[in-house]
Amino acid sequence: MRKSSWGVVVVTALMMIGVPGAAGGATARGVVECTNTELAASYHATGAATSHRYGRIVLRNGSDHPCSIRGYGGLSYVGGGDGTQIGAPADRDPSRVRTIVVRPGQKVVSVVSAAVASAYPRHRCRPAHVDGFRVYVPDETHSQYVAHPTTGCRNERVHLLSHKAYRRP
């Protein structure tokens, strides 16, 4: 095999095993990982079904430069007017994890499913007013607050929230 053919073989192999940035186009190579400085979080309800509410956490790049994001962030209910966590943090719904370059003005979303607290017996749930969400950008240690008044469960063994990895809208 000629020397120039090895590059094609290596890139093809990397694409097959899912190494980020191996496919050309917009890659994460040389692009810094997104932080709270670049991204602003919001929540958008999308629907409801029996005992569940659905929505999306949206992260929008408000900076003047691209950054990259990969995987799951953190999500939990908070309340008490002071950011105290209410109940268990969100579980991760299995979904495809990709590295995404988020250019200025672009968004990524994490699909959220929330079980309704009233679906659980009061003595098990221990209902509590929720002010909103604590949202962590992937690999970030500081969170953002997003208002979303609802009712949660104080019992950390009751898992009301789940979410998927970030993806393009």
C-alpha atoms as a PDB file:
ATOM      1  CA  MET A   1       0.000   0.000   0.000  1.00  0.00           C
ATOM      2  CA  ARG A   2       1.347   3.444  -0.889  1.00  0.00           C
ATOM      3  CA  LYS A   3       2.180   5.866   1.911  1.00  0.00           C
ATOM      4  CA  SER A   4      -0.595   8.319   0.895  1.00  0.00           C
ATOM      5  CA  SER A   5      -3.183   5.509   1.106  1.00  0.00           C
ATOM      6  CA  TRP A   6      -2.417   4.923   4.806  1.00  0.00           C
ATOM      7  CA  GLY A   7      -3.951   8.314   5.705  1.00  0.00           C
ATOM      8  CA  VAL A   8      -7.233   7.302   4.068  1.00  0.00           C
ATOM      9  CA  VAL A   9      -7.168   3.940   5.875  1.00  0.00           C
ATOM     10  CA  VAL A  10      -6.490   5.577   9.256  1.00  0.00           C
ATOM     11  CA  VAL A  11      -9.233   8.232   8.844  1.00  0.00           C
ATOM     12  CA  THR A  12     -11.703   5.569   7.654  1.00  0.00           C
ATOM     13  CA  ALA A  13     -10.868   3.353  10.646  1.00  0.00           C
ATOM     14  CA  LEU A  14     -11.280   6.279  13.056  1.00  0.00           C
ATOM     15  CA  MET A  15     -14.655   7.122  11.521  1.00  0.00           C
ATOM     16  CA  MET A  16     -15.788   3.498  11.895  1.00  0.00           C
ATOM     17  CA  ILE A  17     -14.951   3.382  15.611  1.00  0.00           C
ATOM     18  CA  GLY A  18     -16.478   6.802  16.234  1.00  0.00           C
ATOM     19  CA  VAL A  19     -13.506   9.033  17.016  1.00  0.00           C
ATOM     20  CA  PRO A  20     -14.778  12.651  17.058  1.00  0.00           C
ATOM     21  CA  GLY A  21     -13.492  14.894  14.333  1.00  0.00           C
ATOM     22  CA  ALA A  22     -12.371  12.082  12.023  1.00  0.00           C
ATOM     23  CA  ALA A  23     -14.936  12.846   9.328  1.00  0.00           C
ATOM     24  CA  GLY A  24     -13.763  16.325   8.263  1.00  0.00           C
ATOM     25  CA  GLY A  25     -16.013  19.395   8.122  1.00  0.00           C
ATOM     26  CA  ALA A  26     -16.768  20.979  11.494  1.00  0.00           C
ATOM     27  CA  THR A  27     -14.566  19.223  14.021  1.00  0.00           C
ATOM     28  CA  ALA A  28     -13.715  19.785  17.639  1.00  0.00           C
ATOM     29  CA  ARG A  29      -9.978  19.827  16.868  1.00  0.00           C
ATOM     30  CA  GLY A  30      -8.616  23.154  18.064  1.00  0.00           C
ATOM     31  CA  VAL A  31     -12.010  24.274  19.391  1.00  0.00           C
ATOM     32  CA  VAL A  32     -12.193  24.854  23.149  1.00  0.00           C
ATOM     33  CA  GLU A  33     -14.761  23.007  25.240  1.00  0.00           C
ATOM     34  CA  CYS A  34     -17.864  25.064  26.039  1.00  0.00           C
ATOM     35  CA  THR A  35     -18.295  26.514  29.525  1.00  0.00           C
ATOM     36  CA  ASN A  36     -20.933  28.606  31.260  1.00  0.00           C
ATOM     37  CA  THR A  37     -19.120  31.662  29.910  1.00  0.00           C
ATOM     38  CA  GLU A  38     -20.155  30.789  26.346  1.00  0.00           C
ATOM     39  CA  LEU A  39     -23.497  29.028  26.860  1.00  0.00           C
ATOM     40  CA  ALA A  40     -26.819  30.234  28.245  1.00  0.00           C
ATOM     41  CA  ALA A  41     -29.363  27.635  29.404  1.00  0.00           C
ATOM     42  CA  SER A  42     -33.135  27.741  28.994  1.00  0.00           C
ATOM     43  CA  TYR A  43     -36.016  25.258  29.184  1.00  0.00           C
ATOM     44  CA  HIS A  44     -38.795  24.772  26.642  1.00  0.00           C
ATOM     45  CA  ALA A  45     -41.788  22.520  27.325  1.00  0.00           C
ATOM     46  CA  THR A  46     -42.703  20.312  24.361  1.00  0.00           C
ATOM     47  CA  GLY A  47     -45.612  18.136  25.507  1.00  0.00           C
ATOM     48  CA  ALA A  48     -47.213  15.866  28.042  1.00  0.00           C
ATOM     49  CA  ALA A  49     -48.571  12.352  28.395  1.00  0.00           C
ATOM     50  CA  THR A  50     -50.013  10.319  31.235  1.00  0.00           C
ATOM     51  CA  SER A  51     -48.017  11.268  34.358  1.00  0.00           C
ATOM     52  CA  HIS A  52     -45.136  12.775  32.326  1.00  0.00           C
ATOM     53  CA  ARG A  53     -44.094  16.173  31.002  1.00  0.00           C
ATOM     54  CA  TYR A  54     -41.554  16.592  28.229  1.00  0.00           C
ATOM     55  CA  GLY A  55     -39.254  19.419  27.259  1.00  0.00           C
ATOM     56  CA  ARG A  56     -35.750  20.430  26.241  1.00  0.00           C
ATOM     57  CA  ILE A  57     -32.870  22.076  27.984  1.00  0.00           C
ATOM     58  CA  VAL A  58     -31.433  24.415  25.355  1.00  0.00           C
ATOM     59  CA  LEU A  59     -27.848  25.706  25.496  1.00  0.00           C
ATOM     60  CA  ARG A  60     -27.194  28.690  23.209  1.00  0.00           C
ATOM     61  CA  ASN A  61     -23.709  29.943  22.367  1.00  0.00           C
ATOM     62  CA  GLY A  62     -23.794  33.667  23.125  1.00  0.00           C
ATOM     63  CA  SER A  63     -20.067  34.194  22.613  1.00  0.00           C
ATOM     64  CA  ASP A  64     -18.201  35.430  19.549  1.00  0.00           C
ATOM     65  CA  HIS A  65     -16.327  32.156  19.032  1.00  0.00           C
ATOM     66  CA  PRO A  66     -17.169  28.470  18.531  1.00  0.00           C
ATOM     67  CA  CYS A  67     -16.835  25.934  21.321  1.00  0.00           C
ATOM     68  CA  SER A  68     -17.455  22.196  21.537  1.00  0.00           C
ATOM     69  CA  ILE A  69     -19.771  20.147  23.709  1.00  0.00           C
ATOM     70  CA  ARG A  70     -19.996  16.385  24.253  1.00  0.00           C
ATOM     71  CA  GLY A  71     -22.361  14.134  26.106  1.00  0.00           C
ATOM     72  CA  TYR A  72     -24.537  14.702  29.112  1.00  0.00           C
ATOM     73  CA  GLY A  73     -24.630  17.647  31.454  1.00  0.00           C
ATOM     74  CA  GLY A  74     -26.155  17.633  34.898  1.00  0.00           C
ATOM     75  CA  LEU A  75     -29.780  18.392  35.731  1.00  0.00           C
ATOM     76  CA  SER A  76     -31.756  18.559  38.962  1.00  0.00           C
ATOM     77  CA  TYR A  77     -34.709  20.325  40.544  1.00  0.00           C
ATOM     78  CA  VAL A  78     -33.993  23.150  42.996  1.00  0.00           C
ATOM     79  CA  GLY A  79     -36.221  25.049  45.391  1.00  0.00           C
ATOM     80  CA  GLY A  80     -36.514  26.894  48.655  1.00  0.00           C
ATOM     81  CA  GLY A  81     -35.668  30.193  46.971  1.00  0.00           C
ATOM     82  CA  ASP A  82     -31.980  29.452  47.565  1.00  0.00           C
ATOM     83  CA  GLY A  83     -31.046  26.739  45.053  1.00  0.00           C
ATOM     84  CA  THR A  84     -31.410  23.786  47.444  1.00  0.00           C
ATOM     85  CA  GLN A  85     -31.614  20.562  45.458  1.00  0.00           C
ATOM     86  CA  ILE A  86     -35.017  18.884  45.622  1.00  0.00           C
ATOM     87  CA  GLY A  87     -34.889  15.104  45.215  1.00  0.00           C
ATOM     88  CA  ALA A  88     -32.681  12.988  42.989  1.00  0.00           C
ATOM     89  CA  PRO A  89     -30.690  14.421  40.085  1.00  0.00           C
ATOM     90  CA  ALA A  90     -31.786  13.460  36.571  1.00  0.00           C
ATOM     91  CA  ASP A  91     -31.013   9.986  35.285  1.00  0.00           C
ATOM     92  CA  ARG A  92     -29.284   9.656  31.923  1.00  0.00           C
ATOM     93  CA  ASP A  93     -31.430   8.169  29.171  1.00  0.00           C
ATOM     94  CA  PRO A  94     -29.200   6.149  26.854  1.00  0.00           C
ATOM     95  CA  SER A  95     -28.578   8.152  23.688  1.00  0.00           C
ATOM     96  CA  ARG A  96     -25.859   8.716  21.130  1.00  0.00           C
ATOM     97  CA  VAL A  97     -22.971  10.818  22.423  1.00  0.00           C
ATOM     98  CA  ARG A  98     -21.302  13.112  19.900  1.00  0.00           C
ATOM     99  CA  THR A  99     -18.856  15.975  19.983  1.00  0.00           C
ATOM    100  CA  ILE A 100     -20.640  19.013  18.579  1.00  0.00           C
ATOM    101  CA  VAL A 101     -19.077  22.308  17.546  1.00  0.00           C
ATOM    102  CA  VAL A 102     -21.445  25.087  18.628  1.00  0.00           C
ATOM    103  CA  ARG A 103     -20.859  28.258  16.637  1.00  0.00           C
ATOM    104  CA  PRO A 104     -21.925  31.711  17.880  1.00  0.00           C
ATOM    105  CA  GLY A 105     -25.726  31.885  17.996  1.00  0.00           C
ATOM    106  CA  GLN A 106     -26.182  28.108  17.570  1.00  0.00           C
ATOM    107  CA  LYS A 107     -27.981  25.855  20.035  1.00  0.00           C
ATOM    108  CA  VAL A 108     -27.792  22.304  21.326  1.00  0.00           C
ATOM    109  CA  VAL A 109     -30.582  20.515  23.186  1.00  0.00           C
ATOM    110  CA  SER A 110     -31.024  17.789  25.784  1.00  0.00           C
ATOM    111  CA  VAL A 111     -34.446  16.113  25.738  1.00  0.00           C
ATOM    112  CA  VAL A 112     -35.954  15.988  29.252  1.00  0.00           C
ATOM    113  CA  SER A 113     -38.650  13.698  30.635  1.00  0.00           C
ATOM    114  CA  ALA A 114     -40.220  14.554  33.998  1.00  0.00           C
ATOM    115  CA  ALA A 115     -42.578  12.220  35.847  1.00  0.00           C
ATOM    116  CA  VAL A 116     -45.354  14.070  37.656  1.00  0.00           C
ATOM    117  CA  ALA A 117     -44.841  13.993  41.438  1.00  0.00           C
ATOM    118  CA  SER A 118     -48.547  13.324  42.060  1.00  0.00           C
ATOM    119  CA  ALA A 119     -48.129   9.930  40.371  1.00  0.00           C
ATOM    120  CA  TYR A 120     -46.382   8.765  43.569  1.00  0.00           C
ATOM    121  CA  PRO A 121     -47.978   8.282  46.995  1.00  0.00           C
ATOM    122  CA  ARG A 122     -47.479  11.413  49.162  1.00  0.00           C
ATOM    123  CA  HIS A 123     -45.712   9.489  51.947  1.00  0.00           C
ATOM    124  CA  ARG A 124     -43.208   8.091  49.423  1.00  0.00           C
ATOM    125  CA  CYS A 125     -42.691  11.243  47.336  1.00  0.00           C
ATOM    126  CA  ARG A 126     -42.788  13.894  50.072  1.00  0.00           C
ATOM    127  CA  PRO A 127     -43.891  16.625  47.602  1.00  0.00           C
ATOM    128  CA  ALA A 128     -42.091  19.972  47.566  1.00  0.00           C
ATOM    129  CA  HIS A 129     -42.383  23.155  45.526  1.00  0.00           C
ATOM    130  CA  VAL A 130     -39.663  23.472  42.890  1.00  0.00           C
ATOM    131  CA  ASP A 131     -38.406  26.860  41.676  1.00  0.00           C
ATOM    132  CA  GLY A 132     -36.619  25.486  38.610  1.00  0.00           C
ATOM    133  CA  PHE A 133     -33.650  23.523  37.324  1.00  0.00           C
ATOM    134  CA  ARG A 134     -29.966  23.470  38.160  1.00  0.00           C
ATOM    135  CA  VAL A 135     -28.246  22.889  34.805  1.00  0.00           C
ATOM    136  CA  TYR A 136     -24.630  21.849  34.370  1.00  0.00           C
ATOM    137  CA  VAL A 137     -22.941  22.140  30.995  1.00  0.00           C
ATOM    138  CA  PRO A 138     -20.955  18.901  30.338  1.00  0.00           C
ATOM    139  CA  ASP A 139     -17.626  18.880  32.224  1.00  0.00           C
ATOM    140  CA  GLU A 140     -18.478  22.186  33.953  1.00  0.00           C
ATOM    141  CA  THR A 141     -18.334  22.520  37.737  1.00  0.00           C
ATOM    142  CA  HIS A 142     -20.522  25.631  37.981  1.00  0.00           C
ATOM    143  CA  SER A 143     -24.238  25.466  37.264  1.00  0.00           C
ATOM    144  CA  GLN A 144     -26.867  27.728  35.780  1.00  0.00           C
ATOM    145  CA  TYR A 145     -30.359  28.305  37.124  1.00  0.00           C
ATOM    146  CA  VAL A 146     -33.401  28.008  34.860  1.00  0.00           C
ATOM    147  CA  ALA A 147     -36.811  28.974  36.258  1.00  0.00           C
ATOM    148  CA  HIS A 148     -39.440  26.221  35.973  1.00  0.00           C
ATOM    149  CA  PRO A 149     -41.955  26.189  38.847  1.00  0.00           C
ATOM    150  CA  THR A 150     -43.456  22.758  39.473  1.00  0.00           C
ATOM    151  CA  THR A 151     -43.693  20.102  42.189  1.00  0.00           C
ATOM    152  CA  GLY A 152     -40.903  17.652  42.923  1.00  0.00           C
ATOM    153  CA  CYS A 153     -40.305  14.867  45.438  1.00  0.00           C
ATOM    154  CA  ARG A 154     -37.980  15.353  48.410  1.00  0.00           C
ATOM    155  CA  ASN A 155     -37.372  11.591  48.540  1.00  0.00           C
ATOM    156  CA  GLU A 156     -34.108  11.009  46.652  1.00  0.00           C
ATOM    157  CA  ARG A 157     -35.168   7.431  45.905  1.00  0.00           C
ATOM    158  CA  VAL A 158     -37.928   8.760  43.644  1.00  0.00           C
ATOM    159  CA  HIS A 159     -36.335   9.649  40.295  1.00  0.00           C
ATOM    160  CA  LEU A 160     -38.603  12.097  38.491  1.00  0.00           C
ATOM    161  CA  LEU A 161     -36.164  13.470  35.904  1.00  0.00           C
ATOM    162  CA  SER A 162     -34.274  11.899  33.020  1.00  0.00           C
ATOM    163  CA  HIS A 163     -32.464  13.467  30.083  1.00  0.00           C
ATOM    164  CA  LYS A 164     -30.552  12.576  26.913  1.00  0.00           C
ATOM    165  CA  ALA A 165     -27.101  13.592  25.690  1.00  0.00           C
ATOM    166  CA  TYR A 166     -26.864  16.983  23.993  1.00  0.00           C
ATOM    167  CA  ARG A 167     -27.521  17.040  20.244  1.00  0.00           C
ATOM    168  CA  ARG A 168     -28.372  19.527  17.542  1.00  0.00           C
ATOM    169  CA  PRO A 169     -32.021  20.721  17.542  1.00  0.00           C
END
